[in-house]
Amino acid sequence: MYGELITVKTMHERKAKMARLSDGFIAMPGGFGTLDELFESITWGQLGIHSKPVGLLNVNNYFSPLLQWVDLALAEGFVRPHHRSLIVTADEPAALIEKMMAYDPPAGLVQWLDLDEA
């Protein structure tokens, strides 16, 4: 769909549309908006709304502190071990795409919501 302009009314509608049309999600270094979209994609995977890969392009270790926080949340019991595998990472684009193509969603995810309800 490269080059197609899709107009929506709200940010939520934008994210839901992107989720429906995508084969996966890649976050590159960015700010709050990037983190918002990243964590919503991860959460939707956690909730079983989608089973698509969520990738972090960890250029110059930009996301390394964030990944350390995720591992801390795991160690403290705030993230379940099988949910940690929802995040695919690599520091080179080709390696990230390769990992995303091989992605196998964690077993045992229960769909809580339909994407149209989210």
PDB file of N, CA and C in Angstrom:
ATOM      1  N   MET A   1       0.812  -1.201   0.000  1.00  0.00           N
ATOM      2  CA  MET A   1       0.000   0.000   0.000  1.00  0.00           C
ATOM      3  C   MET A   1       0.849   1.255   0.000  1.00  0.00           C
ATOM      4  N   TYR A   2       2.073   1.143  -0.351  1.00  0.00           N
ATOM      5  CA  TYR A   2       2.951   2.299  -0.365  1.00  0.00           C
ATOM      6  C   TYR A   2       2.336   3.408  -1.206  1.00  0.00           C
ATOM      7  N   GLY A   3       2.280   4.601  -0.643  1.00  0.00           N
ATOM      8  CA  GLY A   3       1.790   5.758  -1.371  1.00  0.00           C
ATOM      9  C   GLY A   3       0.314   6.024  -1.221  1.00  0.00           C
ATOM     10  N   GLU A   4      -0.422   5.146  -0.595  1.00  0.00           N
ATOM     11  CA  GLU A   4      -1.851   5.359  -0.418  1.00  0.00           C
ATOM     12  C   GLU A   4      -2.091   6.218   0.822  1.00  0.00           C
ATOM     13  N   LEU A   5      -2.893   7.269   0.675  1.00  0.00           N
ATOM     14  CA  LEU A   5      -3.246   8.130   1.801  1.00  0.00           C
ATOM     15  C   LEU A   5      -4.523   7.590   2.436  1.00  0.00           C
ATOM     16  N   ILE A   6      -4.444   7.291   3.722  1.00  0.00           N
ATOM     17  CA  ILE A   6      -5.603   6.805   4.470  1.00  0.00           C
ATOM     18  C   ILE A   6      -5.878   7.821   5.568  1.00  0.00           C
ATOM     19  N   THR A   7      -7.065   8.388   5.561  1.00  0.00           N
ATOM     20  CA  THR A   7      -7.443   9.414   6.527  1.00  0.00           C
ATOM     21  C   THR A   7      -8.342   8.797   7.595  1.00  0.00           C
ATOM     22  N   VAL A   8      -8.034   9.085   8.853  1.00  0.00           N
ATOM     23  CA  VAL A   8      -8.843   8.614   9.975  1.00  0.00           C
ATOM     24  C   VAL A   8      -9.125   9.800  10.890  1.00  0.00           C
ATOM     25  N   LYS A   9     -10.064   9.608  11.814  1.00  0.00           N
ATOM     26  CA  LYS A   9     -10.470  10.711  12.692  1.00  0.00           C
ATOM     27  C   LYS A   9      -9.679  10.780  13.992  1.00  0.00           C
ATOM     28  N   THR A  10      -9.226   9.632  14.494  1.00  0.00           N
ATOM     29  CA  THR A  10      -8.570   9.630  15.805  1.00  0.00           C
ATOM     30  C   THR A  10      -7.270   8.842  15.753  1.00  0.00           C
ATOM     31  N   MET A  11      -6.418   9.080  16.739  1.00  0.00           N
ATOM     32  CA  MET A  11      -5.167   8.336  16.856  1.00  0.00           C
ATOM     33  C   MET A  11      -5.452   6.851  17.081  1.00  0.00           C
ATOM     34  N   HIS A  12      -6.460   6.548  17.883  1.00  0.00           N
ATOM     35  CA  HIS A  12      -6.800   5.150  18.129  1.00  0.00           C
ATOM     36  C   HIS A  12      -7.218   4.469  16.825  1.00  0.00           C
ATOM     37  N   GLU A  13      -8.034   5.145  16.042  1.00  0.00           N
ATOM     38  CA  GLU A  13      -8.462   4.581  14.765  1.00  0.00           C
ATOM     39  C   GLU A  13      -7.245   4.377  13.847  1.00  0.00           C
ATOM     40  N   ARG A  14      -6.291   5.301  13.899  1.00  0.00           N
ATOM     41  CA  ARG A  14      -5.070   5.194  13.100  1.00  0.00           C
ATOM     42  C   ARG A  14      -4.286   3.944  13.486  1.00  0.00           C
ATOM     43  N   LYS A  15      -4.112   3.718  14.786  1.00  0.00           N
ATOM     44  CA  LYS A  15      -3.347   2.568  15.242  1.00  0.00           C
ATOM     45  C   LYS A  15      -4.068   1.255  14.912  1.00  0.00           C
ATOM     46  N   ALA A  16      -5.379   1.230  15.070  1.00  0.00           N
ATOM     47  CA  ALA A  16      -6.145   0.023  14.752  1.00  0.00           C
ATOM     48  C   ALA A  16      -6.060  -0.282  13.254  1.00  0.00           C
ATOM     49  N   LYS A  17      -6.124   0.731  12.423  1.00  0.00           N
ATOM     50  CA  LYS A  17      -6.026   0.539  10.975  1.00  0.00           C
ATOM     51  C   LYS A  17      -4.634   0.020  10.613  1.00  0.00           C
ATOM     52  N   MET A  18      -3.599   0.618  11.191  1.00  0.00           N
ATOM     53  CA  MET A  18      -2.235   0.148  10.921  1.00  0.00           C
ATOM     54  C   MET A  18      -2.081  -1.310  11.361  1.00  0.00           C
ATOM     55  N   ALA A  19      -2.656  -1.660  12.482  1.00  0.00           N
ATOM     56  CA  ALA A  19      -2.556  -3.032  12.973  1.00  0.00           C
ATOM     57  C   ALA A  19      -3.236  -4.005  12.024  1.00  0.00           C
ATOM     58  N   ARG A  20      -4.386  -3.627  11.505  1.00  0.00           N
ATOM     59  CA  ARG A  20      -5.107  -4.496  10.576  1.00  0.00           C
ATOM     60  C   ARG A  20      -4.348  -4.677   9.265  1.00  0.00           C
ATOM     61  N   LEU A  21      -3.706  -3.625   8.781  1.00  0.00           N
ATOM     62  CA  LEU A  21      -3.071  -3.653   7.463  1.00  0.00           C
ATOM     63  C   LEU A  21      -1.639  -4.178   7.475  1.00  0.00           C
ATOM     64  N   SER A  22      -1.035  -4.283   8.644  1.00  0.00           N
ATOM     65  CA  SER A  22       0.387  -4.635   8.718  1.00  0.00           C
ATOM     66  C   SER A  22       0.608  -6.137   8.870  1.00  0.00           C
ATOM     67  N   ASP A  23       1.831  -6.535   8.537  1.00  0.00           N
ATOM     68  CA  ASP A  23       2.278  -7.909   8.801  1.00  0.00           C
ATOM     69  C   ASP A  23       3.114  -7.962  10.068  1.00  0.00           C
ATOM     70  N   GLY A  24       3.473  -6.796  10.589  1.00  0.00           N
ATOM     71  CA  GLY A  24       4.292  -6.695  11.789  1.00  0.00           C
ATOM     72  C   GLY A  24       4.565  -5.233  12.074  1.00  0.00           C
ATOM     73  N   PHE A  25       5.289  -4.982  13.143  1.00  0.00           N
ATOM     74  CA  PHE A  25       5.558  -3.616  13.590  1.00  0.00           C
ATOM     75  C   PHE A  25       7.052  -3.480  13.870  1.00  0.00           C
ATOM     76  N   ILE A  26       7.638  -2.381  13.426  1.00  0.00           N
ATOM     77  CA  ILE A  26       9.042  -2.104  13.717  1.00  0.00           C
ATOM     78  C   ILE A  26       9.131  -0.712  14.316  1.00  0.00           C
ATOM     79  N   ALA A  27       9.769  -0.628  15.474  1.00  0.00           N
ATOM     80  CA  ALA A  27      10.037   0.667  16.101  1.00  0.00           C
ATOM     81  C   ALA A  27      11.504   0.997  15.872  1.00  0.00           C
ATOM     82  N   MET A  28      11.731   2.210  15.419  1.00  0.00           N
ATOM     83  CA  MET A  28      13.077   2.738  15.268  1.00  0.00           C
ATOM     84  C   MET A  28      13.244   3.825  16.318  1.00  0.00           C
ATOM     85  N   PRO A  29      14.466   4.251  16.580  1.00  0.00           N
ATOM     86  CA  PRO A  29      14.655   5.275  17.597  1.00  0.00           C
ATOM     87  C   PRO A  29      13.697   6.453  17.409  1.00  0.00           C
ATOM     88  N   GLY A  30      13.077   6.859  18.506  1.00  0.00           N
ATOM     89  CA  GLY A  30      12.109   7.947  18.465  1.00  0.00           C
ATOM     90  C   GLY A  30      11.761   8.386  19.867  1.00  0.00           C
ATOM     91  N   GLY A  31      10.657   9.109  19.969  1.00  0.00           N
ATOM     92  CA  GLY A  31      10.245   9.680  21.244  1.00  0.00           C
ATOM     93  C   GLY A  31       8.990   9.045  21.796  1.00  0.00           C
ATOM     94  N   PHE A  32       8.196   9.867  22.478  1.00  0.00           N
ATOM     95  CA  PHE A  32       7.011   9.373  23.175  1.00  0.00           C
ATOM     96  C   PHE A  32       6.007   8.716  22.233  1.00  0.00           C
ATOM     97  N   GLY A  33       5.793   9.286  21.052  1.00  0.00           N
ATOM     98  CA  GLY A  33       4.845   8.698  20.104  1.00  0.00           C
ATOM     99  C   GLY A  33       5.281   7.304  19.678  1.00  0.00           C
ATOM    100  N   THR A  34       6.587   7.147  19.456  1.00  0.00           N
ATOM    101  CA  THR A  34       7.131   5.836  19.104  1.00  0.00           C
ATOM    102  C   THR A  34       6.877   4.837  20.222  1.00  0.00           C
ATOM    103  N   LEU A  35       7.142   5.252  21.461  1.00  0.00           N
ATOM    104  CA  LEU A  35       6.936   4.353  22.598  1.00  0.00           C
ATOM    105  C   LEU A  35       5.458   4.016  22.781  1.00  0.00           C
ATOM    106  N   ASP A  36       4.584   4.989  22.554  1.00  0.00           N
ATOM    107  CA  ASP A  36       3.147   4.746  22.649  1.00  0.00           C
ATOM    108  C   ASP A  36       2.734   3.652  21.664  1.00  0.00           C
ATOM    109  N   GLU A  37       3.138   3.812  20.414  1.00  0.00           N
ATOM    110  CA  GLU A  37       2.764   2.830  19.395  1.00  0.00           C
ATOM    111  C   GLU A  37       3.442   1.486  19.650  1.00  0.00           C
ATOM    112  N   LEU A  38       4.688   1.514  20.091  1.00  0.00           N
ATOM    113  CA  LEU A  38       5.410   0.281  20.400  1.00  0.00           C
ATOM    114  C   LEU A  38       4.690  -0.511  21.485  1.00  0.00           C
ATOM    115  N   PHE A  39       4.409   0.141  22.608  1.00  0.00           N
ATOM    116  CA  PHE A  39       3.813  -0.592  23.715  1.00  0.00           C
ATOM    117  C   PHE A  39       2.362  -0.978  23.446  1.00  0.00           C
ATOM    118  N   GLU A  40       1.659  -0.207  22.657  1.00  0.00           N
ATOM    119  CA  GLU A  40       0.308  -0.647  22.288  1.00  0.00           C
ATOM    120  C   GLU A  40       0.387  -1.901  21.425  1.00  0.00           C
ATOM    121  N   SER A  41       1.341  -1.949  20.489  1.00  0.00           N
ATOM    122  CA  SER A  41       1.512  -3.140  19.653  1.00  0.00           C
ATOM    123  C   SER A  41       1.883  -4.351  20.494  1.00  0.00           C
ATOM    124  N   ILE A  42       2.778  -4.156  21.456  1.00  0.00           N
ATOM    125  CA  ILE A  42       3.165  -5.255  22.348  1.00  0.00           C
ATOM    126  C   ILE A  42       1.972  -5.704  23.188  1.00  0.00           C
ATOM    127  N   THR A  43       1.245  -4.749  23.749  1.00  0.00           N
ATOM    128  CA  THR A  43       0.094  -5.081  24.589  1.00  0.00           C
ATOM    129  C   THR A  43      -0.974  -5.809  23.791  1.00  0.00           C
ATOM    130  N   TRP A  44      -1.236  -5.370  22.561  1.00  0.00           N
ATOM    131  CA  TRP A  44      -2.224  -6.058  21.729  1.00  0.00           C
ATOM    132  C   TRP A  44      -1.773  -7.485  21.440  1.00  0.00           C
ATOM    133  N   GLY A  45      -0.464  -7.702  21.273  1.00  0.00           N
ATOM    134  CA  GLY A  45       0.039  -9.063  21.123  1.00  0.00           C
ATOM    135  C   GLY A  45      -0.164  -9.863  22.400  1.00  0.00           C
ATOM    136  N   GLN A  46       0.119  -9.232  23.540  1.00  0.00           N
ATOM    137  CA  GLN A  46      -0.057  -9.876  24.843  1.00  0.00           C
ATOM    138  C   GLN A  46      -1.513 -10.285  25.055  1.00  0.00           C
ATOM    139  N   LEU A  47      -2.429  -9.445  24.615  1.00  0.00           N
ATOM    140  CA  LEU A  47      -3.852  -9.709  24.799  1.00  0.00           C
ATOM    141  C   LEU A  47      -4.423 -10.641  23.730  1.00  0.00           C
ATOM    142  N   GLY A  48      -3.598 -11.033  22.768  1.00  0.00           N
ATOM    143  CA  GLY A  48      -4.071 -11.925  21.716  1.00  0.00           C
ATOM    144  C   GLY A  48      -4.868 -11.234  20.635  1.00  0.00           C
ATOM    145  N   ILE A  49      -4.816  -9.907  20.577  1.00  0.00           N
ATOM    146  CA  ILE A  49      -5.538  -9.170  19.539  1.00  0.00           C
ATOM    147  C   ILE A  49      -4.864  -9.401  18.182  1.00  0.00           C
ATOM    148  N   HIS A  50      -3.552  -9.561  18.190  1.00  0.00           N
ATOM    149  CA  HIS A  50      -2.826  -9.940  16.977  1.00  0.00           C
ATOM    150  C   HIS A  50      -1.713 -10.901  17.374  1.00  0.00           C
ATOM    151  N   SER A  51      -1.159 -11.582  16.388  1.00  0.00           N
ATOM    152  CA  SER A  51      -0.027 -12.487  16.638  1.00  0.00           C
ATOM    153  C   SER A  51       1.143 -12.120  15.727  1.00  0.00           C
ATOM    154  N   LYS A  52       1.285 -10.834  15.467  1.00  0.00           N
ATOM    155  CA  LYS A  52       2.306 -10.323  14.560  1.00  0.00           C
ATOM    156  C   LYS A  52       3.579  -9.975  15.337  1.00  0.00           C
ATOM    157  N   PRO A  53       4.721 -10.052  14.666  1.00  0.00           N
ATOM    158  CA  PRO A  53       5.961  -9.693  15.358  1.00  0.00           C
ATOM    159  C   PRO A  53       6.061  -8.192  15.617  1.00  0.00           C
ATOM    160  N   VAL A  54       6.658  -7.856  16.748  1.00  0.00           N
ATOM    161  CA  VAL A  54       6.931  -6.466  17.118  1.00  0.00           C
ATOM    162  C   VAL A  54       8.443  -6.355  17.256  1.00  0.00           C
ATOM    163  N   GLY A  55       9.055  -5.570  16.381  1.00  0.00           N
ATOM    164  CA  GLY A  55      10.502  -5.488  16.349  1.00  0.00           C
ATOM    165  C   GLY A  55      11.043  -4.150  16.813  1.00  0.00           C
ATOM    166  N   LEU A  56      12.210  -4.204  17.433  1.00  0.00           N
ATOM    167  CA  LEU A  56      12.950  -3.003  17.808  1.00  0.00           C
ATOM    168  C   LEU A  56      14.241  -2.984  17.003  1.00  0.00           C
ATOM    169  N   LEU A  57      14.423  -1.937  16.209  1.00  0.00           N
ATOM    170  CA  LEU A  57      15.688  -1.744  15.517  1.00  0.00           C
ATOM    171  C   LEU A  57      16.586  -0.984  16.476  1.00  0.00           C
ATOM    172  N   ASN A  58      17.458  -1.720  17.143  1.00  0.00           N
ATOM    173  CA  ASN A  58      18.241  -1.191  18.254  1.00  0.00           C
ATOM    174  C   ASN A  58      19.541  -0.538  17.750  1.00  0.00           C
ATOM    175  N   VAL A  59      19.380   0.518  16.971  1.00  0.00           N
ATOM    176  CA  VAL A  59      20.502   1.243  16.387  1.00  0.00           C
ATOM    177  C   VAL A  59      21.345   1.880  17.493  1.00  0.00           C
ATOM    178  N   ASN A  60      22.656   1.609  17.467  1.00  0.00           N
ATOM    179  CA  ASN A  60      23.585   2.170  18.463  1.00  0.00           C
ATOM    180  C   ASN A  60      23.095   1.940  19.894  1.00  0.00           C
ATOM    181  N   ASN A  61      22.440   0.798  20.129  1.00  0.00           N
ATOM    182  CA  ASN A  61      21.932   0.425  21.464  1.00  0.00           C
ATOM    183  C   ASN A  61      20.907   1.408  22.022  1.00  0.00           C
ATOM    184  N   TYR A  62      20.207   2.115  21.122  1.00  0.00           N
ATOM    185  CA  TYR A  62      19.221   3.108  21.555  1.00  0.00           C
ATOM    186  C   TYR A  62      18.189   2.508  22.514  1.00  0.00           C
ATOM    187  N   PHE A  63      17.714   1.307  22.197  1.00  0.00           N
ATOM    188  CA  PHE A  63      16.660   0.694  23.007  1.00  0.00           C
ATOM    189  C   PHE A  63      17.196  -0.188  24.133  1.00  0.00           C
ATOM    190  N   SER A  64      18.503  -0.310  24.278  1.00  0.00           N
ATOM    191  CA  SER A  64      19.063  -1.187  25.310  1.00  0.00           C
ATOM    192  C   SER A  64      18.569  -0.840  26.720  1.00  0.00           C
ATOM    193  N   PRO A  65      18.527   0.445  27.117  1.00  0.00           N
ATOM    194  CA  PRO A  65      17.975   0.752  28.451  1.00  0.00           C
ATOM    195  C   PRO A  65      16.503   0.345  28.587  1.00  0.00           C
ATOM    196  N   LEU A  66      15.740   0.485  27.523  1.00  0.00           N
ATOM    197  CA  LEU A  66      14.333   0.075  27.557  1.00  0.00           C
ATOM    198  C   LEU A  66      14.243  -1.440  27.717  1.00  0.00           C
ATOM    199  N   LEU A  67      15.077  -2.174  27.011  1.00  0.00           N
ATOM    200  CA  LEU A  67      15.082  -3.630  27.132  1.00  0.00           C
ATOM    201  C   LEU A  67      15.535  -4.070  28.523  1.00  0.00           C
ATOM    202  N   GLN A  68      16.451  -3.321  29.132  1.00  0.00           N
ATOM    203  CA  GLN A  68      16.853  -3.611  30.513  1.00  0.00           C
ATOM    204  C   GLN A  68      15.670  -3.408  31.453  1.00  0.00           C
ATOM    205  N   TRP A  69      14.868  -2.377  31.203  1.00  0.00           N
ATOM    206  CA  TRP A  69      13.676  -2.144  32.021  1.00  0.00           C
ATOM    207  C   TRP A  69      12.672  -3.282  31.838  1.00  0.00           C
ATOM    208  N   VAL A  70      12.495  -3.740  30.601  1.00  0.00           N
ATOM    209  CA  VAL A  70      11.583  -4.869  30.353  1.00  0.00           C
ATOM    210  C   VAL A  70      12.063  -6.092  31.129  1.00  0.00           C
ATOM    211  N   ASP A  71      13.366  -6.342  31.108  1.00  0.00           N
ATOM    212  CA  ASP A  71      13.907  -7.479  31.852  1.00  0.00           C
ATOM    213  C   ASP A  71      13.751  -7.301  33.362  1.00  0.00           C
ATOM    214  N   LEU A  72      13.859  -6.070  33.853  1.00  0.00           N
ATOM    215  CA  LEU A  72      13.600  -5.793  35.267  1.00  0.00           C
ATOM    216  C   LEU A  72      12.134  -6.071  35.602  1.00  0.00           C
ATOM    217  N   ALA A  73      11.224  -5.605  34.734  1.00  0.00           N
ATOM    218  CA  ALA A  73       9.797  -5.854  34.949  1.00  0.00           C
ATOM    219  C   ALA A  73       9.523  -7.361  34.963  1.00  0.00           C
ATOM    220  N   LEU A  74      10.222  -8.110  34.131  1.00  0.00           N
ATOM    221  CA  LEU A  74      10.114  -9.568  34.124  1.00  0.00           C
ATOM    222  C   LEU A  74      10.613 -10.142  35.443  1.00  0.00           C
ATOM    223  N   ALA A  75      11.783  -9.711  35.872  1.00  0.00           N
ATOM    224  CA  ALA A  75      12.380 -10.207  37.127  1.00  0.00           C
ATOM    225  C   ALA A  75      11.505  -9.880  38.336  1.00  0.00           C
ATOM    226  N   GLU A  76      10.832  -8.742  38.298  1.00  0.00           N
ATOM    227  CA  GLU A  76       9.980  -8.321  39.413  1.00  0.00           C
ATOM    228  C   GLU A  76       8.566  -8.905  39.334  1.00  0.00           C
ATOM    229  N   GLY A  77       8.272  -9.649  38.272  1.00  0.00           N
ATOM    230  CA  GLY A  77       6.981 -10.306  38.152  1.00  0.00           C
ATOM    231  C   GLY A  77       5.891  -9.484  37.489  1.00  0.00           C
ATOM    232  N   PHE A  78       6.249  -8.354  36.892  1.00  0.00           N
ATOM    233  CA  PHE A  78       5.254  -7.525  36.226  1.00  0.00           C
ATOM    234  C   PHE A  78       5.029  -7.927  34.774  1.00  0.00           C
ATOM    235  N   VAL A  79       5.963  -8.669  34.207  1.00  0.00           N
ATOM    236  CA  VAL A  79       5.860  -9.196  32.847  1.00  0.00           C
ATOM    237  C   VAL A  79       6.032 -10.704  32.949  1.00  0.00           C
ATOM    238  N   ARG A  80       5.146 -11.441  32.328  1.00  0.00           N
ATOM    239  CA  ARG A  80       5.241 -12.899  32.346  1.00  0.00           C
ATOM    240  C   ARG A  80       6.358 -13.352  31.397  1.00  0.00           C
ATOM    241  N   PRO A  81       7.055 -14.425  31.759  1.00  0.00           N
ATOM    242  CA  PRO A  81       8.180 -14.871  30.936  1.00  0.00           C
ATOM    243  C   PRO A  81       7.839 -15.071  29.458  1.00  0.00           C
ATOM    244  N   HIS A  82       6.688 -15.677  29.162  1.00  0.00           N
ATOM    245  CA  HIS A  82       6.363 -15.911  27.746  1.00  0.00           C
ATOM    246  C   HIS A  82       6.018 -14.614  27.005  1.00  0.00           C
ATOM    247  N   HIS A  83       5.666 -13.558  27.718  1.00  0.00           N
ATOM    248  CA  HIS A  83       5.393 -12.278  27.062  1.00  0.00           C
ATOM    249  C   HIS A  83       6.675 -11.551  26.652  1.00  0.00           C
ATOM    250  N   ARG A  84       7.800 -11.887  27.279  1.00  0.00           N
ATOM    251  CA  ARG A  84       9.072 -11.248  26.922  1.00  0.00           C
ATOM    252  C   ARG A  84       9.426 -11.516  25.457  1.00  0.00           C
ATOM    253  N   SER A  85       9.010 -12.683  24.968  1.00  0.00           N
ATOM    254  CA  SER A  85       9.339 -13.036  23.587  1.00  0.00           C
ATOM    255  C   SER A  85       8.476 -12.314  22.558  1.00  0.00           C
ATOM    256  N   LEU A  86       7.567 -11.461  23.018  1.00  0.00           N
ATOM    257  CA  LEU A  86       6.777 -10.656  22.081  1.00  0.00           C
ATOM    258  C   LEU A  86       7.634  -9.601  21.379  1.00  0.00           C
ATOM    259  N   ILE A  87       8.792  -9.297  21.942  1.00  0.00           N
ATOM    260  CA  ILE A  87       9.667  -8.249  21.399  1.00  0.00           C
ATOM    261  C   ILE A  87      10.855  -8.896  20.695  1.00  0.00           C
ATOM    262  N   VAL A  88      10.992  -8.589  19.413  1.00  0.00           N
ATOM    263  CA  VAL A  88      12.098  -9.085  18.599  1.00  0.00           C
ATOM    264  C   VAL A  88      13.070  -7.924  18.419  1.00  0.00           C
ATOM    265  N   THR A  89      14.373  -8.175  18.608  1.00  0.00           N
ATOM    266  CA  THR A  89      15.335  -7.084  18.494  1.00  0.00           C
ATOM    267  C   THR A  89      16.523  -7.469  17.624  1.00  0.00           C
ATOM    268  N   ALA A  90      17.089  -6.460  16.992  1.00  0.00           N
ATOM    269  CA  ALA A  90      18.345  -6.594  16.247  1.00  0.00           C
ATOM    270  C   ALA A  90      18.883  -5.192  16.025  1.00  0.00           C
ATOM    271  N   ASP A  91      20.178  -5.106  15.757  1.00  0.00           N
ATOM    272  CA  ASP A  91      20.770  -3.785  15.545  1.00  0.00           C
ATOM    273  C   ASP A  91      20.986  -3.467  14.067  1.00  0.00           C
ATOM    274  N   GLU A  92      20.645  -4.402  13.192  1.00  0.00           N
ATOM    275  CA  GLU A  92      20.734  -4.190  11.749  1.00  0.00           C
ATOM    276  C   GLU A  92      19.382  -4.511  11.114  1.00  0.00           C
ATOM    277  N   PRO A  93      18.936  -3.690  10.154  1.00  0.00           N
ATOM    278  CA  PRO A  93      17.619  -3.920   9.542  1.00  0.00           C
ATOM    279  C   PRO A  93      17.435  -5.321   8.963  1.00  0.00           C
ATOM    280  N   ALA A  94      18.406  -5.825   8.223  1.00  0.00           N
ATOM    281  CA  ALA A  94      18.249  -7.152   7.607  1.00  0.00           C
ATOM    282  C   ALA A  94      18.099  -8.241   8.665  1.00  0.00           C
ATOM    283  N   ALA A  95      18.872  -8.144   9.731  1.00  0.00           N
ATOM    284  CA  ALA A  95      18.780  -9.131  10.811  1.00  0.00           C
ATOM    285  C   ALA A  95      17.418  -9.058  11.500  1.00  0.00           C
ATOM    286  N   LEU A  96      16.902  -7.845  11.677  1.00  0.00           N
ATOM    287  CA  LEU A  96      15.593  -7.695  12.313  1.00  0.00           C
ATOM    288  C   LEU A  96      14.502  -8.296  11.435  1.00  0.00           C
ATOM    289  N   ILE A  97      14.536  -8.008  10.142  1.00  0.00           N
ATOM    290  CA  ILE A  97      13.534  -8.568   9.227  1.00  0.00           C
ATOM    291  C   ILE A  97      13.605 -10.095   9.235  1.00  0.00           C
ATOM    292  N   GLU A  98      14.810 -10.643   9.229  1.00  0.00           N
ATOM    293  CA  GLU A  98      14.977 -12.099   9.261  1.00  0.00           C
ATOM    294  C   GLU A  98      14.356 -12.691  10.524  1.00  0.00           C
ATOM    295  N   LYS A  99      14.612 -12.064  11.675  1.00  0.00           N
ATOM    296  CA  LYS A  99      14.031 -12.543  12.933  1.00  0.00           C
ATOM    297  C   LYS A  99      12.507 -12.417  12.918  1.00  0.00           C
ATOM    298  N   MET A 100      12.021 -11.339  12.341  1.00  0.00           N
ATOM    299  CA  MET A 100      10.570 -11.141  12.304  1.00  0.00           C
ATOM    300  C   MET A 100       9.899 -12.156  11.378  1.00  0.00           C
ATOM    301  N   MET A 101      10.570 -12.501  10.289  1.00  0.00           N
ATOM    302  CA  MET A 101      10.011 -13.498   9.362  1.00  0.00           C
ATOM    303  C   MET A 101       9.943 -14.881  10.037  1.00  0.00           C
ATOM    304  N   ALA A 102      10.859 -15.149  10.954  1.00  0.00           N
ATOM    305  CA  ALA A 102      10.888 -16.430  11.655  1.00  0.00           C
ATOM    306  C   ALA A 102      10.081 -16.409  12.950  1.00  0.00           C
ATOM    307  N   TYR A 103       9.465 -15.292  13.274  1.00  0.00           N
ATOM    308  CA  TYR A 103       8.756 -15.112  14.545  1.00  0.00           C
ATOM    309  C   TYR A 103       7.664 -16.159  14.718  1.00  0.00           C
ATOM    310  N   ASP A 104       7.631 -16.726  15.909  1.00  0.00           N
ATOM    311  CA  ASP A 104       6.588 -17.659  16.304  1.00  0.00           C
ATOM    312  C   ASP A 104       5.990 -17.115  17.593  1.00  0.00           C
ATOM    313  N   PRO A 105       4.737 -16.672  17.563  1.00  0.00           N
ATOM    314  CA  PRO A 105       4.163 -16.069  18.772  1.00  0.00           C
ATOM    315  C   PRO A 105       4.180 -17.046  19.948  1.00  0.00           C
ATOM    316  N   PRO A 106       4.327 -16.504  21.154  1.00  0.00           N
ATOM    317  CA  PRO A 106       4.337 -17.390  22.326  1.00  0.00           C
ATOM    318  C   PRO A 106       3.023 -18.151  22.453  1.00  0.00           C
ATOM    319  N   ALA A 107       3.130 -19.382  22.903  1.00  0.00           N
ATOM    320  CA  ALA A 107       1.941 -20.218  23.106  1.00  0.00           C
ATOM    321  C   ALA A 107       1.176 -19.719  24.324  1.00  0.00           C
ATOM    322  N   GLY A 108      -0.099 -19.985  24.327  1.00  0.00           N
ATOM    323  CA  GLY A 108      -0.897 -19.703  25.514  1.00  0.00           C
ATOM    324  C   GLY A 108      -1.484 -18.313  25.591  1.00  0.00           C
ATOM    325  N   LEU A 109      -1.353 -17.516  24.503  1.00  0.00           N
ATOM    326  CA  LEU A 109      -1.966 -16.194  24.531  1.00  0.00           C
ATOM    327  C   LEU A 109      -3.463 -16.342  24.310  1.00  0.00           C
ATOM    328  N   VAL A 110      -4.233 -15.684  25.124  1.00  0.00           N
ATOM    329  CA  VAL A 110      -5.687 -15.751  25.041  1.00  0.00           C
ATOM    330  C   VAL A 110      -6.184 -14.443  24.465  1.00  0.00           C
ATOM    331  N   GLN A 111      -7.044 -14.533  23.438  1.00  0.00           N
ATOM    332  CA  GLN A 111      -7.570 -13.306  22.869  1.00  0.00           C
ATOM    333  C   GLN A 111      -8.646 -12.750  23.782  1.00  0.00           C
ATOM    334  N   TRP A 112      -8.377 -11.550  24.298  1.00  0.00           N
ATOM    335  CA  TRP A 112      -9.300 -10.889  25.215  1.00  0.00           C
ATOM    336  C   TRP A 112     -10.293 -10.000  24.474  1.00  0.00           C
ATOM    337  N   LEU A 113      -9.849  -9.429  23.375  1.00  0.00           N
ATOM    338  CA  LEU A 113     -10.662  -8.486  22.623  1.00  0.00           C
ATOM    339  C   LEU A 113     -10.527  -8.747  21.146  1.00  0.00           C
ATOM    340  N   ASP A 114     -11.533  -8.335  20.388  1.00  0.00           N
ATOM    341  CA  ASP A 114     -11.451  -8.317  18.940  1.00  0.00           C
ATOM    342  C   ASP A 114     -10.843  -6.966  18.554  1.00  0.00           C
ATOM    343  N   LEU A 115     -10.003  -6.940  17.528  1.00  0.00           N
ATOM    344  CA  LEU A 115      -9.347  -5.707  17.126  1.00  0.00           C
ATOM    345  C   LEU A 115     -10.370  -4.609  16.830  1.00  0.00           C
ATOM    346  N   ASP A 116     -11.526  -4.958  16.311  1.00  0.00           N
ATOM    347  CA  ASP A 116     -12.548  -3.952  16.021  1.00  0.00           C
ATOM    348  C   ASP A 116     -13.121  -3.343  17.299  1.00  0.00           C
ATOM    349  N   GLU A 117     -12.976  -4.041  18.424  1.00  0.00           N
ATOM    350  CA  GLU A 117     -13.449  -3.511  19.704  1.00  0.00           C
ATOM    351  C   GLU A 117     -12.379  -2.682  20.385  1.00  0.00           C
ATOM    352  N   ALA A 118     -11.121  -2.947  20.031  1.00  0.00           N
ATOM    353  CA  ALA A 118      -9.988  -2.290  20.721  1.00  0.00           C
ATOM    354  C   ALA A 118      -9.922  -0.815  20.410  1.00  0.00           C
TER     355      ALA A 118
END
